[in-house]
């Protein structure tokens, strides 16, 4: 009987030694499960936030297309028409192609197909249109070697355009060339020159 008790005690001792790591492992697994459930909740919450943000952005994009885009496109086309001597009168954004321009035969070409000077004119028109779409404030216009690739005709057109349409704005023009000064003098436009 004593031997049976001893064997039973030894068996219980072995079971205890086997159970302790299993219980510790189970506790660790439960802790991991709790941590994973918290992460799952955080991810679910983040997914809901992203879905809501996406919905808001889609609504804002639709509203922008309906209210801002028509005026923006109108301003963009007015500017490019004036500064290009009416050579280009219709620019628009095309999904997948970006900015495209109507040429004389009525077909549209991507901006990248034009000369560097023409591309600069188009993107300058785009920046002015964006600025006027974003705010009604008359923010300063800072131009740093913006007209480097313009030929003389383009440069005259853009300076004339700025002079006629942006007289209430402060325009700061940085350049290392004298072409701008010569054209401003030729067109009898007032300016302040600061040489460095």
N, C-alpha and C. Protein backbone atom coordinates (compact mmCIF):
# COMPACT_ATOMS: atom_id res chain seq x y z
N UNK A 1 0.82 -1.19 0.00
CA UNK A 1 0.00 0.00 0.00
C UNK A 1 0.87 1.26 0.00
N UNK A 2 1.90 1.18 0.85
CA UNK A 2 2.81 2.33 0.92
C UNK A 2 3.48 2.56 -0.43
N UNK A 3 3.80 1.45 -1.12
CA UNK A 3 4.42 1.56 -2.45
C UNK A 3 3.45 2.19 -3.46
N UNK A 4 2.20 1.77 -3.33
CA UNK A 4 1.19 2.36 -4.22
C UNK A 4 1.08 3.86 -3.98
N UNK A 5 1.12 4.20 -2.73
CA UNK A 5 1.04 5.63 -2.37
C UNK A 5 2.26 6.37 -2.91
N UNK A 6 3.42 5.76 -2.80
CA UNK A 6 4.66 6.34 -3.27
C UNK A 6 4.62 6.50 -4.80
N UNK A 7 4.12 5.48 -5.47
CA UNK A 7 4.02 5.52 -6.94
C UNK A 7 3.02 6.61 -7.36
N UNK A 8 1.92 6.65 -6.65
CA UNK A 8 0.90 7.66 -6.97
C UNK A 8 1.45 9.05 -6.73
N UNK A 9 2.18 9.22 -5.65
CA UNK A 9 2.79 10.51 -5.33
C UNK A 9 3.81 10.90 -6.40
N UNK A 10 4.59 9.93 -6.81
CA UNK A 10 5.60 10.18 -7.85
C UNK A 10 4.91 10.55 -9.17
N UNK A 11 3.83 9.83 -9.49
CA UNK A 11 3.06 10.11 -10.71
C UNK A 11 2.48 11.52 -10.66
N UNK A 12 1.94 11.89 -9.49
CA UNK A 12 1.39 13.25 -9.34
C UNK A 12 2.49 14.30 -9.48
N UNK A 13 3.66 14.00 -8.93
CA UNK A 13 4.80 14.92 -9.03
C UNK A 13 5.20 15.10 -10.50
N UNK A 14 5.22 13.99 -11.25
CA UNK A 14 5.53 14.06 -12.69
C UNK A 14 4.45 14.86 -13.43
N UNK A 15 3.18 14.58 -13.12
CA UNK A 15 2.08 15.32 -13.75
C UNK A 15 2.19 16.81 -13.45
N UNK A 16 2.55 17.12 -12.20
CA UNK A 16 2.70 18.53 -11.80
C UNK A 16 3.81 19.18 -12.61
N UNK A 17 4.93 18.46 -12.73
CA UNK A 17 6.06 19.01 -13.49
C UNK A 17 5.72 19.19 -14.97
N UNK A 18 4.87 18.31 -15.48
CA UNK A 18 4.43 18.43 -16.89
C UNK A 18 3.37 19.52 -17.05
N UNK A 19 2.52 19.69 -16.03
CA UNK A 19 1.42 20.66 -16.13
C UNK A 19 1.89 22.11 -15.98
N UNK A 20 2.87 22.36 -15.16
CA UNK A 20 3.33 23.75 -14.92
C UNK A 20 3.74 24.43 -16.23
N UNK A 21 4.61 23.81 -17.06
CA UNK A 21 4.94 24.48 -18.33
C UNK A 21 3.73 24.64 -19.23
N UNK A 22 2.81 23.66 -19.20
CA UNK A 22 1.61 23.76 -20.03
C UNK A 22 0.73 24.92 -19.56
N UNK A 23 0.60 25.08 -18.24
CA UNK A 23 -0.21 26.18 -17.69
C UNK A 23 0.45 27.52 -18.03
N UNK A 24 1.79 27.58 -17.89
CA UNK A 24 2.51 28.81 -18.23
C UNK A 24 2.34 29.13 -19.72
N UNK A 25 2.43 28.09 -20.54
CA UNK A 25 2.25 28.26 -21.99
C UNK A 25 0.83 28.72 -22.30
N UNK A 26 -0.16 28.14 -21.60
CA UNK A 26 -1.55 28.54 -21.79
C UNK A 26 -1.75 30.01 -21.39
N UNK A 27 -1.14 30.42 -20.29
CA UNK A 27 -1.25 31.81 -19.83
C UNK A 27 -0.64 32.75 -20.87
N UNK A 28 0.52 32.34 -21.41
CA UNK A 28 1.18 33.14 -22.44
C UNK A 28 0.31 33.24 -23.69
N UNK A 29 -0.30 32.11 -24.07
CA UNK A 29 -1.19 32.07 -25.25
C UNK A 29 -2.40 32.99 -25.04
N UNK A 30 -2.96 32.95 -23.82
CA UNK A 30 -4.11 33.82 -23.52
C UNK A 30 -3.69 35.30 -23.58
N UNK A 31 -2.49 35.58 -23.08
CA UNK A 31 -1.98 36.95 -23.14
C UNK A 31 -1.80 37.40 -24.59
N UNK A 32 -1.22 36.51 -25.42
CA UNK A 32 -1.06 36.81 -26.85
C UNK A 32 -2.41 37.02 -27.53
N UNK A 33 -3.37 36.18 -27.17
CA UNK A 33 -4.70 36.28 -27.75
C UNK A 33 -5.33 37.63 -27.40
N UNK A 34 -5.21 38.04 -26.14
CA UNK A 34 -5.74 39.34 -25.71
C UNK A 34 -5.07 40.47 -26.50
N UNK A 35 -3.74 40.36 -26.65
CA UNK A 35 -3.00 41.38 -27.40
C UNK A 35 -3.45 41.41 -28.85
N UNK A 36 -3.63 40.24 -29.47
CA UNK A 36 -4.09 40.16 -30.86
C UNK A 36 -5.50 40.72 -31.01
N UNK A 37 -6.37 40.46 -30.03
CA UNK A 37 -7.73 40.99 -30.09
C UNK A 37 -7.72 42.52 -30.02
N UNK A 38 -6.82 43.07 -29.18
CA UNK A 38 -6.69 44.53 -29.10
C UNK A 38 -6.17 45.09 -30.42
N UNK A 39 -5.18 44.41 -31.02
CA UNK A 39 -4.66 44.85 -32.31
C UNK A 39 -5.74 44.77 -33.39
N UNK A 40 -6.54 43.69 -33.32
CA UNK A 40 -7.63 43.53 -34.30
C UNK A 40 -8.62 44.68 -34.17
N UNK A 41 -8.94 45.07 -32.95
CA UNK A 41 -9.87 46.18 -32.72
C UNK A 41 -9.27 47.49 -33.23
N UNK A 42 -7.97 47.69 -32.98
CA UNK A 42 -7.32 48.90 -33.48
C UNK A 42 -7.34 48.95 -35.00
N UNK A 43 -7.05 47.80 -35.63
CA UNK A 43 -7.06 47.73 -37.10
C UNK A 43 -8.47 47.96 -37.63
N UNK A 44 -9.46 47.38 -36.97
CA UNK A 44 -10.86 47.58 -37.39
C UNK A 44 -11.24 49.05 -37.27
N UNK A 45 -10.82 49.68 -36.18
CA UNK A 45 -11.11 51.10 -35.97
C UNK A 45 -10.41 51.94 -37.04
N UNK A 46 -9.17 51.60 -37.33
CA UNK A 46 -8.42 52.31 -38.37
C UNK A 46 -9.07 52.11 -39.74
N UNK A 47 -9.52 50.90 -40.01
CA UNK A 47 -10.19 50.61 -41.29
C UNK A 47 -11.46 51.44 -41.43
N UNK A 48 -12.22 51.55 -40.32
CA UNK A 48 -13.44 52.38 -40.35
C UNK A 48 -13.08 53.85 -40.61
N UNK A 49 -12.00 54.31 -39.97
CA UNK A 49 -11.56 55.70 -40.16
C UNK A 49 -11.12 55.95 -41.60
N UNK A 50 -10.38 54.99 -42.15
CA UNK A 50 -9.92 55.11 -43.54
C UNK A 50 -11.11 55.12 -44.50
N UNK A 51 -12.07 54.25 -44.23
CA UNK A 51 -13.27 54.19 -45.09
C UNK A 51 -14.04 55.52 -45.03
N UNK A 52 -14.15 56.08 -43.83
CA UNK A 52 -14.83 57.37 -43.66
C UNK A 52 -14.05 58.48 -44.37
N UNK A 53 -12.73 58.47 -44.21
CA UNK A 53 -11.90 59.48 -44.88
C UNK A 53 -12.01 59.35 -46.39
N UNK A 54 -12.00 58.12 -46.87
CA UNK A 54 -12.13 57.89 -48.31
C UNK A 54 -13.46 58.43 -48.82
N UNK A 55 -14.52 58.17 -48.08
CA UNK A 55 -15.85 58.66 -48.47
C UNK A 55 -15.87 60.19 -48.50
N UNK A 56 -15.27 60.81 -47.47
CA UNK A 56 -15.21 62.28 -47.41
C UNK A 56 -14.41 62.84 -48.58
N UNK A 57 -13.28 62.19 -48.90
CA UNK A 57 -12.45 62.65 -50.02
C UNK A 57 -13.18 62.51 -51.35
N UNK A 58 -13.91 61.41 -51.51
CA UNK A 58 -14.68 61.22 -52.74
C UNK A 58 -15.75 62.29 -52.88
N UNK A 59 -16.43 62.59 -51.77
CA UNK A 59 -17.46 63.63 -51.80
C UNK A 59 -16.84 65.00 -52.08
N UNK A 60 -15.70 65.28 -51.45
CA UNK A 60 -15.01 66.56 -51.67
C UNK A 60 -14.53 66.67 -53.12
N UNK A 61 -14.01 65.56 -53.66
CA UNK A 61 -13.55 65.55 -55.06
C UNK A 61 -14.72 65.80 -56.01
N UNK A 62 -15.84 65.15 -55.74
CA UNK A 62 -17.02 65.35 -56.59
C UNK A 62 -17.49 66.81 -56.51
N UNK A 63 -17.54 67.33 -55.28
CA UNK A 63 -17.96 68.72 -55.10
C UNK A 63 -17.00 69.68 -55.80
N UNK A 64 -15.69 69.39 -55.68
CA UNK A 64 -14.69 70.22 -56.34
C UNK A 64 -14.87 70.19 -57.85
N UNK A 65 -15.11 68.98 -58.39
CA UNK A 65 -15.31 68.87 -59.84
C UNK A 65 -16.52 69.67 -60.29
N UNK A 66 -17.56 69.70 -59.43
CA UNK A 66 -18.77 70.41 -59.80
C UNK A 66 -18.68 71.91 -59.62
N UNK A 67 -17.97 72.36 -58.57
CA UNK A 67 -17.97 73.79 -58.27
C UNK A 67 -16.67 74.51 -58.64
N UNK A 68 -15.52 73.93 -58.30
CA UNK A 68 -14.26 74.63 -58.50
C UNK A 68 -13.67 74.38 -59.89
N UNK A 69 -13.73 73.14 -60.35
CA UNK A 69 -13.08 72.78 -61.61
C UNK A 69 -13.55 73.62 -62.80
N UNK A 70 -14.84 73.87 -62.97
CA UNK A 70 -15.24 74.68 -64.13
C UNK A 70 -14.59 76.08 -64.13
N UNK A 71 -14.58 76.76 -62.98
CA UNK A 71 -13.96 78.09 -62.91
C UNK A 71 -12.45 77.98 -63.08
N UNK A 72 -11.86 76.96 -62.46
CA UNK A 72 -10.43 76.75 -62.58
C UNK A 72 -10.05 76.54 -64.04
N UNK A 73 -10.79 75.68 -64.74
CA UNK A 73 -10.51 75.40 -66.16
C UNK A 73 -10.70 76.67 -67.00
N UNK A 74 -11.73 77.43 -66.69
CA UNK A 74 -11.97 78.68 -67.41
C UNK A 74 -10.80 79.64 -67.21
N UNK A 75 -10.34 79.80 -65.96
CA UNK A 75 -9.20 80.67 -65.68
C UNK A 75 -7.94 80.16 -66.38
N UNK A 76 -7.72 78.86 -66.30
CA UNK A 76 -6.55 78.25 -66.92
C UNK A 76 -6.52 78.53 -68.42
N UNK A 77 -7.65 78.34 -69.08
CA UNK A 77 -7.71 78.55 -70.53
C UNK A 77 -7.58 80.03 -70.89
N UNK A 78 -8.11 80.91 -70.07
CA UNK A 78 -7.97 82.34 -70.31
C UNK A 78 -6.50 82.75 -70.23
N UNK A 79 -5.82 82.25 -69.21
CA UNK A 79 -4.41 82.62 -69.02
C UNK A 79 -3.55 82.07 -70.16
N UNK A 80 -3.69 80.78 -70.48
CA UNK A 80 -2.84 80.20 -71.54
C UNK A 80 -3.13 80.85 -72.88
N UNK A 81 -4.38 81.20 -73.12
CA UNK A 81 -4.72 81.87 -74.37
C UNK A 81 -4.02 83.22 -74.46
N UNK A 82 -4.06 83.98 -73.39
CA UNK A 82 -3.44 85.32 -73.41
C UNK A 82 -1.92 85.25 -73.51
N UNK A 83 -1.30 84.36 -72.74
CA UNK A 83 0.16 84.37 -72.74
C UNK A 83 0.77 83.65 -73.94
N UNK A 84 -0.05 82.85 -74.64
CA UNK A 84 0.47 82.17 -75.83
C UNK A 84 0.06 82.90 -77.11
N UNK A 85 -0.48 84.10 -76.96
CA UNK A 85 -0.93 84.83 -78.15
C UNK A 85 -2.07 84.11 -78.85
N UNK A 86 -2.94 83.48 -78.06
CA UNK A 86 -4.12 82.72 -78.51
C UNK A 86 -3.78 81.49 -79.34
N UNK A 87 -2.53 81.04 -79.25
CA UNK A 87 -2.13 79.82 -79.96
C UNK A 87 -2.77 78.60 -79.30
N UNK A 88 -2.81 78.61 -77.97
CA UNK A 88 -3.44 77.52 -77.22
C UNK A 88 -4.57 78.11 -76.40
N UNK A 89 -5.77 77.55 -76.56
CA UNK A 89 -6.93 78.13 -75.89
C UNK A 89 -7.70 77.13 -75.03
N UNK A 90 -7.34 75.86 -75.14
CA UNK A 90 -8.11 74.87 -74.41
C UNK A 90 -7.18 73.82 -73.80
N UNK A 91 -7.05 73.88 -72.47
CA UNK A 91 -6.28 72.89 -71.73
C UNK A 91 -7.24 72.22 -70.74
N UNK A 92 -6.98 70.95 -70.46
CA UNK A 92 -7.80 70.25 -69.48
C UNK A 92 -7.06 69.05 -68.92
N UNK A 93 -7.56 68.56 -67.79
CA UNK A 93 -6.99 67.36 -67.19
C UNK A 93 -7.74 66.15 -67.67
N UNK A 94 -7.02 65.15 -68.08
CA UNK A 94 -7.60 63.90 -68.54
C UNK A 94 -7.12 62.80 -67.60
N UNK A 95 -8.04 62.01 -67.07
CA UNK A 95 -7.66 60.90 -66.20
C UNK A 95 -6.64 60.03 -66.93
N UNK A 96 -5.54 59.76 -66.29
CA UNK A 96 -4.52 58.88 -66.86
C UNK A 96 -3.50 59.60 -67.73
N UNK A 97 -3.88 60.70 -68.37
CA UNK A 97 -2.96 61.43 -69.25
C UNK A 97 -2.43 62.69 -68.60
N UNK A 98 -3.12 63.21 -67.63
CA UNK A 98 -2.70 64.46 -67.01
C UNK A 98 -3.17 65.65 -67.82
N UNK A 99 -2.33 66.65 -67.92
CA UNK A 99 -2.68 67.88 -68.62
C UNK A 99 -2.55 67.67 -70.13
N UNK A 100 -3.64 67.96 -70.84
CA UNK A 100 -3.63 67.86 -72.31
C UNK A 100 -4.06 69.20 -72.90
N UNK A 101 -3.64 69.45 -74.15
CA UNK A 101 -3.87 70.75 -74.79
C UNK A 101 -4.43 70.53 -76.19
N UNK A 102 -5.43 71.35 -76.53
CA UNK A 102 -5.99 71.30 -77.88
C UNK A 102 -5.07 72.07 -78.81
N UNK A 103 -4.73 71.44 -79.94
CA UNK A 103 -3.91 72.14 -80.94
C UNK A 103 -4.82 72.63 -82.06
N UNK A 104 -4.22 73.31 -83.03
CA UNK A 104 -5.01 73.99 -84.07
C UNK A 104 -5.99 73.08 -84.82
N UNK A 105 -5.65 71.82 -85.04
CA UNK A 105 -6.55 70.94 -85.81
C UNK A 105 -7.66 70.33 -84.95
N UNK A 106 -7.73 70.72 -83.66
CA UNK A 106 -8.81 70.25 -82.79
C UNK A 106 -8.49 68.99 -82.00
N UNK A 107 -7.35 68.36 -82.25
CA UNK A 107 -6.98 67.19 -81.48
C UNK A 107 -6.25 67.63 -80.21
N UNK A 108 -6.20 66.73 -79.25
CA UNK A 108 -5.54 67.02 -77.98
C UNK A 108 -4.23 66.26 -77.88
N UNK A 109 -3.24 66.94 -77.32
CA UNK A 109 -1.92 66.32 -77.12
C UNK A 109 -1.51 66.51 -75.66
N UNK A 110 -0.78 65.53 -75.11
CA UNK A 110 -0.25 65.70 -73.76
C UNK A 110 0.76 66.85 -73.74
N UNK A 111 0.84 67.54 -72.63
CA UNK A 111 1.76 68.67 -72.49
C UNK A 111 3.19 68.26 -72.78
N UNK A 112 3.54 67.04 -72.44
CA UNK A 112 4.92 66.58 -72.61
C UNK A 112 5.39 66.57 -74.07
N UNK A 113 4.47 66.68 -75.02
CA UNK A 113 4.84 66.67 -76.44
C UNK A 113 5.29 68.04 -76.96
N UNK A 114 5.19 69.06 -76.14
CA UNK A 114 5.51 70.41 -76.59
C UNK A 114 6.94 70.79 -76.23
N UNK A 115 7.39 71.93 -76.75
CA UNK A 115 8.74 72.43 -76.44
C UNK A 115 8.81 72.85 -74.98
N UNK A 116 10.02 72.97 -74.47
CA UNK A 116 10.21 73.32 -73.06
C UNK A 116 9.59 74.69 -72.76
N UNK A 117 9.76 75.65 -73.67
CA UNK A 117 9.18 76.98 -73.47
C UNK A 117 7.66 76.94 -73.38
N UNK A 118 7.04 76.15 -74.26
CA UNK A 118 5.57 76.01 -74.25
C UNK A 118 5.11 75.29 -72.98
N UNK A 119 5.83 74.25 -72.61
CA UNK A 119 5.49 73.52 -71.37
C UNK A 119 5.56 74.48 -70.19
N UNK A 120 6.62 75.30 -70.13
CA UNK A 120 6.74 76.28 -69.05
C UNK A 120 5.55 77.24 -69.03
N UNK A 121 5.12 77.68 -70.20
CA UNK A 121 3.95 78.57 -70.27
C UNK A 121 2.72 77.88 -69.70
N UNK A 122 2.53 76.63 -70.08
CA UNK A 122 1.35 75.89 -69.66
C UNK A 122 1.35 75.67 -68.15
N UNK A 123 2.48 75.28 -67.61
CA UNK A 123 2.54 75.06 -66.16
C UNK A 123 2.50 76.37 -65.39
N UNK A 124 2.99 77.44 -65.98
CA UNK A 124 2.85 78.75 -65.34
C UNK A 124 1.37 79.12 -65.27
N UNK A 125 0.64 78.89 -66.36
CA UNK A 125 -0.81 79.13 -66.38
C UNK A 125 -1.50 78.29 -65.31
N UNK A 126 -1.08 77.05 -65.21
CA UNK A 126 -1.65 76.14 -64.23
C UNK A 126 -1.42 76.65 -62.81
N UNK A 127 -0.20 77.10 -62.50
CA UNK A 127 0.10 77.59 -61.15
C UNK A 127 -0.73 78.83 -60.82
N UNK A 128 -0.85 79.76 -61.78
CA UNK A 128 -1.66 80.96 -61.53
C UNK A 128 -3.13 80.58 -61.30
N UNK A 129 -3.63 79.63 -62.08
CA UNK A 129 -5.03 79.20 -61.93
C UNK A 129 -5.26 78.54 -60.58
N UNK A 130 -4.32 77.70 -60.16
CA UNK A 130 -4.44 77.03 -58.87
C UNK A 130 -4.45 78.07 -57.75
N UNK A 131 -3.53 79.03 -57.84
CA UNK A 131 -3.45 80.06 -56.80
C UNK A 131 -4.75 80.84 -56.69
N UNK A 132 -5.35 81.19 -57.82
CA UNK A 132 -6.59 81.97 -57.76
C UNK A 132 -7.77 81.10 -57.33
N UNK A 133 -7.68 79.78 -57.53
CA UNK A 133 -8.76 78.88 -57.10
C UNK A 133 -8.70 78.63 -55.60
N UNK A 134 -7.50 78.65 -55.04
CA UNK A 134 -7.33 78.33 -53.62
C UNK A 134 -7.76 79.47 -52.72
N UNK A 135 -7.44 80.69 -53.11
CA UNK A 135 -7.73 81.82 -52.23
C UNK A 135 -8.08 83.07 -53.04
N UNK A 136 -8.84 83.93 -52.42
CA UNK A 136 -9.17 85.22 -53.04
C UNK A 136 -8.16 86.30 -52.63
N UNK A 137 -7.26 85.94 -51.69
CA UNK A 137 -6.24 86.89 -51.25
C UNK A 137 -5.27 87.16 -52.40
N UNK A 138 -4.74 88.35 -52.40
CA UNK A 138 -3.77 88.71 -53.42
C UNK A 138 -2.36 88.40 -52.87
N UNK A 139 -2.00 87.13 -52.95
CA UNK A 139 -0.72 86.68 -52.44
C UNK A 139 0.41 87.11 -53.37
N UNK A 140 1.60 87.32 -52.82
CA UNK A 140 2.74 87.69 -53.69
C UNK A 140 3.03 86.57 -54.70
N UNK A 141 3.45 86.97 -55.86
CA UNK A 141 3.85 86.02 -56.90
C UNK A 141 5.38 86.09 -56.98
N UNK A 142 6.02 84.98 -56.64
CA UNK A 142 7.48 84.94 -56.63
C UNK A 142 7.94 84.08 -57.80
N UNK A 143 8.73 84.68 -58.68
CA UNK A 143 9.19 84.01 -59.89
C UNK A 143 10.71 83.97 -59.88
N UNK A 144 11.27 82.78 -59.76
CA UNK A 144 12.72 82.62 -59.70
C UNK A 144 13.19 81.92 -60.98
N UNK A 145 13.74 82.70 -61.89
CA UNK A 145 14.21 82.19 -63.20
C UNK A 145 13.10 81.42 -63.92
N UNK A 146 11.88 81.85 -63.72
CA UNK A 146 10.71 81.17 -64.29
C UNK A 146 10.70 81.22 -65.81
N UNK A 147 11.27 82.29 -66.38
CA UNK A 147 11.17 82.49 -67.82
C UNK A 147 12.46 82.16 -68.57
N UNK A 148 13.30 81.35 -67.97
CA UNK A 148 14.60 81.03 -68.57
C UNK A 148 14.47 80.41 -69.96
N UNK A 149 13.43 79.61 -70.19
CA UNK A 149 13.28 78.93 -71.49
C UNK A 149 12.31 79.66 -72.43
N UNK A 150 11.88 80.85 -72.05
CA UNK A 150 10.98 81.61 -72.91
C UNK A 150 11.79 82.33 -73.97
N UNK A 151 11.25 82.33 -75.19
CA UNK A 151 11.86 83.19 -76.20
C UNK A 151 11.35 84.62 -75.95
N UNK A 152 11.84 85.59 -76.71
CA UNK A 152 11.50 86.99 -76.48
C UNK A 152 10.00 87.24 -76.61
N UNK A 153 9.36 86.62 -77.60
CA UNK A 153 7.91 86.83 -77.80
C UNK A 153 7.12 86.30 -76.61
N UNK A 154 7.46 85.10 -76.15
CA UNK A 154 6.78 84.53 -74.99
C UNK A 154 6.99 85.41 -73.76
N UNK A 155 8.22 85.87 -73.59
CA UNK A 155 8.53 86.69 -72.42
C UNK A 155 7.75 88.00 -72.45
N UNK A 156 7.67 88.63 -73.62
CA UNK A 156 6.87 89.87 -73.75
C UNK A 156 5.41 89.60 -73.41
N UNK A 157 4.87 88.50 -73.94
CA UNK A 157 3.46 88.16 -73.68
C UNK A 157 3.20 87.96 -72.19
N UNK A 158 4.08 87.22 -71.51
CA UNK A 158 3.84 86.93 -70.10
C UNK A 158 4.00 88.17 -69.25
N UNK A 159 5.00 88.99 -69.54
CA UNK A 159 5.18 90.22 -68.75
C UNK A 159 4.02 91.18 -68.97
N UNK A 160 3.55 91.29 -70.20
CA UNK A 160 2.38 92.12 -70.51
C UNK A 160 1.15 91.60 -69.77
N UNK A 161 0.98 90.28 -69.80
CA UNK A 161 -0.15 89.65 -69.11
C UNK A 161 -0.10 89.95 -67.61
N UNK A 162 1.04 89.74 -67.00
CA UNK A 162 1.18 89.99 -65.57
C UNK A 162 0.93 91.46 -65.25
N UNK A 163 1.45 92.32 -66.06
CA UNK A 163 1.30 93.76 -65.83
C UNK A 163 -0.17 94.17 -65.91
N UNK A 164 -0.88 93.63 -66.89
CA UNK A 164 -2.28 94.00 -67.09
C UNK A 164 -3.23 93.33 -66.08
N UNK A 165 -2.93 92.11 -65.68
CA UNK A 165 -3.88 91.34 -64.87
C UNK A 165 -3.53 91.21 -63.39
N UNK A 166 -2.32 91.57 -63.02
CA UNK A 166 -1.89 91.36 -61.63
C UNK A 166 -1.27 92.63 -61.04
N UNK A 167 -1.84 93.79 -61.40
CA UNK A 167 -1.30 95.05 -60.89
C UNK A 167 -1.48 95.19 -59.38
N UNK A 168 -2.48 94.55 -58.81
CA UNK A 168 -2.74 94.64 -57.37
C UNK A 168 -1.90 93.63 -56.57
N UNK A 169 -1.09 92.86 -57.25
CA UNK A 169 -0.26 91.84 -56.60
C UNK A 169 1.19 92.33 -56.52
N UNK A 170 1.87 91.83 -55.52
CA UNK A 170 3.31 92.06 -55.46
C UNK A 170 3.96 90.93 -56.26
N UNK A 171 4.71 91.30 -57.29
CA UNK A 171 5.38 90.31 -58.13
C UNK A 171 6.88 90.49 -57.93
N UNK A 172 7.52 89.42 -57.49
CA UNK A 172 8.96 89.44 -57.26
C UNK A 172 9.59 88.53 -58.30
N UNK A 173 10.45 89.11 -59.12
CA UNK A 173 11.05 88.38 -60.23
C UNK A 173 12.57 88.31 -60.03
N UNK A 174 13.07 87.10 -59.84
CA UNK A 174 14.52 86.89 -59.74
C UNK A 174 15.02 86.45 -61.10
N UNK A 175 16.08 87.08 -61.57
CA UNK A 175 16.67 86.68 -62.85
C UNK A 175 18.13 87.10 -62.89
N UNK A 176 18.90 86.36 -63.66
CA UNK A 176 20.30 86.76 -63.86
C UNK A 176 20.47 87.37 -65.25
N UNK A 177 19.39 87.40 -66.04
CA UNK A 177 19.44 87.95 -67.40
C UNK A 177 18.93 89.39 -67.40
N UNK A 178 19.22 90.09 -68.47
CA UNK A 178 18.76 91.48 -68.61
C UNK A 178 17.54 91.58 -69.53
N UNK A 179 17.13 90.44 -70.10
CA UNK A 179 16.00 90.46 -71.05
C UNK A 179 14.75 91.05 -70.42
N UNK A 180 14.46 90.65 -69.18
CA UNK A 180 13.25 91.12 -68.51
C UNK A 180 13.27 92.64 -68.36
N UNK A 181 14.41 93.18 -67.95
CA UNK A 181 14.53 94.65 -67.79
C UNK A 181 14.33 95.34 -69.13
N UNK A 182 14.96 94.82 -70.17
CA UNK A 182 14.85 95.41 -71.50
C UNK A 182 13.39 95.42 -71.97
N UNK A 183 12.69 94.32 -71.75
CA UNK A 183 11.29 94.23 -72.19
C UNK A 183 10.41 95.14 -71.34
N UNK A 184 10.62 95.15 -70.02
CA UNK A 184 9.84 96.05 -69.16
C UNK A 184 10.04 97.50 -69.57
N UNK A 185 11.28 97.88 -69.89
CA UNK A 185 11.56 99.25 -70.35
C UNK A 185 10.90 99.50 -71.70
N UNK A 186 11.03 98.55 -72.62
CA UNK A 186 10.45 98.69 -73.96
C UNK A 186 8.93 98.88 -73.89
N UNK A 187 8.28 98.14 -72.98
CA UNK A 187 6.81 98.22 -72.86
C UNK A 187 6.36 99.32 -71.90
N UNK A 188 7.32 100.09 -71.39
CA UNK A 188 7.02 101.22 -70.50
C UNK A 188 6.30 100.79 -69.22
N UNK A 189 6.74 99.70 -68.64
CA UNK A 189 6.12 99.17 -67.43
C UNK A 189 6.93 99.62 -66.21
N UNK A 190 6.21 99.99 -65.15
CA UNK A 190 6.88 100.44 -63.93
C UNK A 190 7.34 99.22 -63.12
N UNK A 191 8.54 99.34 -62.56
CA UNK A 191 9.08 98.28 -61.72
C UNK A 191 10.16 98.86 -60.82
N UNK A 192 10.51 98.11 -59.80
CA UNK A 192 11.60 98.49 -58.91
C UNK A 192 12.71 97.46 -59.10
N UNK A 193 13.90 97.93 -59.39
CA UNK A 193 15.02 97.05 -59.63
C UNK A 193 15.95 97.02 -58.42
N UNK A 194 16.27 95.83 -57.97
CA UNK A 194 17.25 95.66 -56.91
C UNK A 194 18.34 94.76 -57.46
N UNK A 195 19.54 95.28 -57.60
CA UNK A 195 20.66 94.50 -58.12
C UNK A 195 21.46 93.93 -56.96
N UNK A 196 21.90 92.73 -57.12
CA UNK A 196 22.70 92.08 -56.07
C UNK A 196 24.04 91.67 -56.62
